[in-house]
Protein backbone atom coordinates (compact mmCIF):
# COMPACT_ATOMS: atom_id res chain seq x y z
CA MET A 1 -8.01 -8.93 -6.67
CA GLU A 2 -10.03 -5.74 -6.57
CA PRO A 3 -10.94 -4.64 -10.12
CA HIS A 4 -9.22 -1.23 -9.88
CA ILE A 5 -5.81 -2.64 -8.88
CA PRO A 6 -4.53 -3.41 -12.42
CA ARG A 7 -4.95 0.26 -13.37
CA ILE A 8 -3.12 1.36 -10.22
CA ALA A 9 -0.32 -1.22 -10.38
CA GLU A 10 0.23 -1.13 -14.17
CA PHE A 11 1.53 -4.69 -14.05
CA GLY A 12 2.59 -4.77 -17.71
CA ASN A 13 4.83 -1.71 -17.55
CA TYR A 14 7.86 -3.35 -15.91
CA ARG A 15 9.04 -5.99 -18.36
CA GLY A 16 12.72 -6.64 -17.73
CA LYS A 17 12.70 -4.47 -14.60
CA ARG A 18 13.49 -5.56 -11.05
CA VAL A 19 10.34 -5.10 -8.97
CA LEU A 20 10.08 -5.40 -5.18
CA GLU A 21 6.67 -5.85 -3.56
CA VAL A 22 6.68 -4.94 0.13
CA GLY A 23 3.97 -6.93 1.90
CA CYS A 24 3.29 -9.40 -0.91
CA GLY A 25 0.83 -11.54 1.08
CA VAL A 26 0.03 -14.73 -0.82
CA GLY A 27 1.50 -13.26 -3.99
CA ILE A 28 -1.52 -12.26 -6.10
CA ASP A 29 -0.08 -8.94 -7.27
CA LEU A 30 3.45 -10.35 -7.34
CA MET A 31 2.39 -12.99 -9.88
CA GLU A 32 0.78 -10.32 -12.07
CA PHE A 33 4.05 -8.38 -12.19
CA ALA A 34 5.84 -11.64 -13.08
CA LYS A 35 3.31 -12.38 -15.83
CA GLY A 36 4.06 -8.93 -17.22
CA GLY A 37 7.73 -9.85 -17.54
CA ALA A 38 9.17 -8.22 -14.43
CA GLU A 39 11.93 -9.79 -12.32
CA VAL A 40 10.03 -9.97 -9.04
CA VAL A 41 10.93 -10.18 -5.38
CA GLY A 42 8.23 -10.27 -2.72
CA ILE A 43 8.71 -9.78 1.01
CA ASP A 44 6.31 -10.30 3.89
CA VAL A 45 6.59 -10.75 7.66
CA SER A 46 4.35 -13.83 7.51
CA ASP A 47 6.15 -17.13 6.88
CA ARG A 48 2.90 -18.70 5.70
CA SER A 49 2.17 -15.91 3.22
CA VAL A 50 5.68 -16.11 1.79
CA LEU A 51 5.33 -19.88 1.33
CA CYS A 52 1.99 -19.40 -0.44
CA ALA A 53 3.47 -16.76 -2.73
CA LYS A 54 6.42 -19.02 -3.53
CA GLU A 55 4.08 -21.91 -4.32
CA GLY A 56 1.93 -19.69 -6.53
CA LEU A 57 4.95 -18.66 -8.58
CA ARG A 58 5.95 -22.33 -8.92
CA LEU A 59 2.47 -23.52 -9.94
CA PHE A 60 2.17 -20.88 -12.65
CA LYS A 61 5.77 -21.45 -13.73
CA LEU A 62 6.75 -17.85 -13.04
CA ALA A 63 10.23 -16.72 -12.06
CA GLY A 64 10.53 -14.84 -8.81
CA GLU A 65 11.85 -14.77 -5.27
CA THR A 66 10.00 -14.54 -1.94
CA VAL A 67 11.63 -13.58 1.35
CA VAL A 68 10.45 -13.39 4.96
CA ALA A 69 11.42 -9.86 5.95
CA ASP A 70 10.35 -6.71 7.77
CA ALA A 71 9.41 -3.64 5.71
CA GLU A 72 11.33 -1.45 8.15
CA ASN A 73 14.58 -3.38 7.59
CA LEU A 74 14.75 -4.60 4.01
CA PRO A 75 17.49 -7.23 3.49
CA PHE A 76 18.75 -5.79 0.19
CA ARG A 77 21.64 -3.61 -0.95
CA ASP A 78 21.13 0.01 -1.90
CA GLY A 79 19.85 0.79 -5.37
CA VAL A 80 19.06 -2.72 -6.62
CA PHE A 81 15.42 -2.30 -7.73
CA ASP A 82 13.80 -0.40 -10.58
CA HIS A 83 10.36 -0.26 -8.96
CA THR A 84 8.95 -0.77 -5.48
CA TYR A 85 5.28 -1.47 -4.82
CA SER A 86 3.18 -1.78 -1.68
CA TYR A 87 -0.60 -1.96 -1.60
CA GLY A 88 -2.50 -1.79 1.68
CA VAL A 89 0.42 -2.68 3.93
CA LEU A 90 2.49 0.24 5.21
CA HIS A 91 -0.32 1.85 7.23
CA HIS A 92 -0.20 -1.31 9.36
CA THR A 93 3.51 -1.01 10.19
CA PRO A 94 4.67 0.63 13.46
CA ASN A 95 7.08 2.94 11.63
CA THR A 96 5.62 3.71 8.22
CA GLU A 97 8.16 6.46 7.57
CA LYS A 98 11.06 4.02 8.11
CA SER A 99 9.47 1.57 5.67
CA ILE A 100 9.16 4.28 3.03
CA SER A 101 12.78 5.29 3.65
CA GLU A 102 13.85 1.66 3.18
CA MET A 103 11.92 1.41 -0.08
CA ARG A 104 13.69 4.55 -1.26
CA ARG A 105 17.09 3.15 -0.22
CA VAL A 106 16.77 -0.01 -2.30
CA LEU A 107 15.63 1.91 -5.39
CA ARG A 108 18.12 2.98 -8.02
CA ASN A 109 18.22 6.71 -8.79
CA GLU A 110 15.06 7.64 -10.70
CA GLY A 111 13.57 4.26 -9.83
CA THR A 112 9.81 4.43 -9.28
CA LEU A 113 7.35 3.46 -6.58
CA THR A 114 3.62 2.94 -6.11
CA ILE A 115 2.19 2.90 -2.58
CA MET A 116 -1.33 2.78 -1.15
CA LEU A 117 -2.07 4.35 2.25
CA TYR A 118 -5.38 4.84 4.06
CA ALA A 119 -6.84 8.34 3.85
CA LYS A 120 -7.72 10.17 7.05
CA TRP A 121 -10.72 12.14 5.78
CA SER A 122 -12.88 9.55 4.05
CA VAL A 123 -16.38 8.12 3.90
CA THR A 124 -15.00 5.12 5.78
CA LEU A 125 -13.95 7.18 8.79
CA LEU A 126 -17.32 8.94 8.77
CA TYR A 127 -19.09 5.57 8.63
CA ILE A 128 -17.05 4.17 11.52
CA VAL A 129 -17.65 7.21 13.74
CA LEU A 130 -21.39 7.32 13.03
CA ARG A 131 -22.24 3.62 13.07
CA PHE A 132 -19.91 2.28 15.72
CA GLY A 133 -18.75 5.35 17.61
CA LEU A 134 -22.10 7.07 18.07
CA LEU A 135 -24.94 4.67 17.25
CA LYS A 136 -23.30 1.78 19.11
CA LEU A 137 -21.78 4.14 21.70
CA GLU A 138 -18.25 2.74 21.31
CA LEU A 139 -16.74 6.21 21.51
CA PHE A 140 -17.77 6.34 25.14
CA TYR A 141 -15.30 3.60 26.07
CA LYS A 142 -12.88 3.42 23.12
CA LYS A 143 -10.43 5.87 21.64
CA LEU A 144 -10.74 6.78 17.97
CA ASN A 145 -7.65 4.77 17.01
CA GLU A 146 -9.25 1.68 18.60
CA LEU A 147 -12.40 2.23 16.55
CA ILE A 148 -10.29 2.47 13.42
CA SER A 149 -8.38 -0.74 14.22
CA ASN A 150 -11.63 -2.56 15.02
CA HIS A 151 -13.64 -1.52 11.98
CA MET A 152 -11.42 -0.10 9.23
CA GLU A 153 -11.29 -3.31 7.20
CA ASP A 154 -14.13 -5.54 6.05
CA ALA A 155 -12.31 -8.58 7.48
CA GLY A 156 -12.55 -7.13 10.97
CA TYR A 157 -9.98 -6.30 13.66
CA THR A 158 -6.44 -5.33 12.74
CA PRO A 159 -3.84 -4.60 15.45
CA LEU A 160 -2.76 -1.31 13.89
CA ALA A 161 -4.28 0.89 11.19
CA LYS A 162 -3.11 4.45 10.57
CA LEU A 163 -4.79 7.15 8.48
CA TYR A 164 -3.03 9.95 6.62
CA SER A 165 -3.92 13.37 5.30
CA LYS A 166 -2.55 14.58 1.99
CA LYS A 167 -0.32 17.05 3.85
CA GLN A 168 1.19 14.24 5.93
CA ILE A 169 1.83 12.18 2.80
CA GLN A 170 3.55 15.09 1.08
CA LYS A 171 5.83 15.38 4.10
CA MET A 172 6.61 11.64 4.20
CA PHE A 173 7.49 11.62 0.51
CA GLU A 174 9.49 14.85 0.43
CA ASN A 175 12.61 12.93 -0.70
CA PHE A 176 10.79 11.64 -3.77
CA LYS A 177 9.75 13.29 -6.98
CA ILE A 178 5.98 12.87 -6.72
CA PHE A 179 4.09 12.14 -9.93
CA SER A 180 0.64 11.94 -8.36
CA ILE A 181 -1.27 11.59 -5.08
CA GLU A 182 -4.68 10.26 -6.01
CA LYS A 183 -7.56 9.67 -3.60
CA LEU A 184 -9.67 6.68 -4.63
CA HIS A 185 -12.21 4.00 -3.85
CA ILE A 186 -15.60 3.80 -2.21
CA PRO A 187 -15.72 0.39 -0.43
CA LYS A 188 -18.32 -2.25 -1.29
CA ARG A 189 -19.95 -1.92 2.13
CA TYR A 190 -21.58 1.28 0.87
CA SER A 191 -23.03 -0.37 -2.25
CA THR A 192 -26.49 1.17 -1.77
CA ILE A 193 -25.11 4.65 -2.31
CA ALA A 194 -21.86 3.77 -4.10
CA LYS A 195 -22.93 5.31 -7.41
CA ILE A 196 -23.60 8.62 -5.72
CA LEU A 197 -20.46 8.55 -3.60
CA SER A 198 -18.23 7.48 -6.51
CA SER A 199 -18.57 10.98 -7.94
CA PHE A 200 -16.90 12.30 -4.78
CA GLN A 201 -14.12 9.75 -4.34
CA SER A 202 -11.45 12.41 -4.85
CA VAL A 203 -12.74 13.91 -1.58
CA LEU A 204 -14.24 10.91 0.27
CA GLY A 205 -12.09 8.08 -1.07
CA PHE A 206 -10.85 5.30 1.21
CA TYR A 207 -7.16 5.63 0.38
CA PHE A 208 -4.39 7.50 -1.41
CA ILE A 209 -2.30 6.10 -4.25
CA ILE A 210 1.13 7.70 -4.28
CA LYS A 211 3.33 7.42 -7.36
CA GLY A 212 6.77 8.89 -7.69
CA SER A 213 10.46 8.31 -8.27
CA LYS A 214 13.65 8.42 -6.23
CA ARG A 215 15.49 11.69 -6.37
CA SER A 216 19.27 11.67 -6.11
CA LEU A 217 20.94 12.97 -2.95
CA ILE A 218 22.08 16.02 -4.91
CA GLU A 219 18.46 16.85 -5.80
CA VAL A 220 17.25 16.24 -2.21
CA THR A 221 19.85 18.56 -0.63
CA ARG A 222 19.39 21.47 -3.07
């Protein structure tokens, strides 16, 4: 787990609450919510990841449920969760807006959410364009979105990676009461200048953390 995630996720703040993690992977964050006393449910499209998350909960004797499911079609009734959480997942989904809408649907009124999405204008995009696009000439035979998919993550190629501006995020979350949209994180790959860049992470940060709550239909239509 990256060291800044506990501050972002606030794992201990949901004791007794029903928490849904969308894109739980092998369950690292899910287990932290469970340790904090939350009633957890994790979903992921990967059967293997869901099995790993389930086994992790069992090994640590933590209560929780894991389900193979698609973020764009959550298999839950309306208004059954107190908090929804998704870190580093929804910018990889074909229809991110539908996934956000689904997370809103399964939240109770005034239920909260925390979501991480890649930022469009960041040191990472600049690095990709300069190093791979120009120095390695990849822009001459690849589109920018291909460069992003090929190099956005340290692990390498990802089939789909989307970047968002703050204005786009505000539009996507217009049916929520937004508490904060925070731009964060200078990746480890820039360690030689990380101390300098860290002072500018609100401008050059790798991603946005969006926190908010579900507004009622009456509030939305006013």
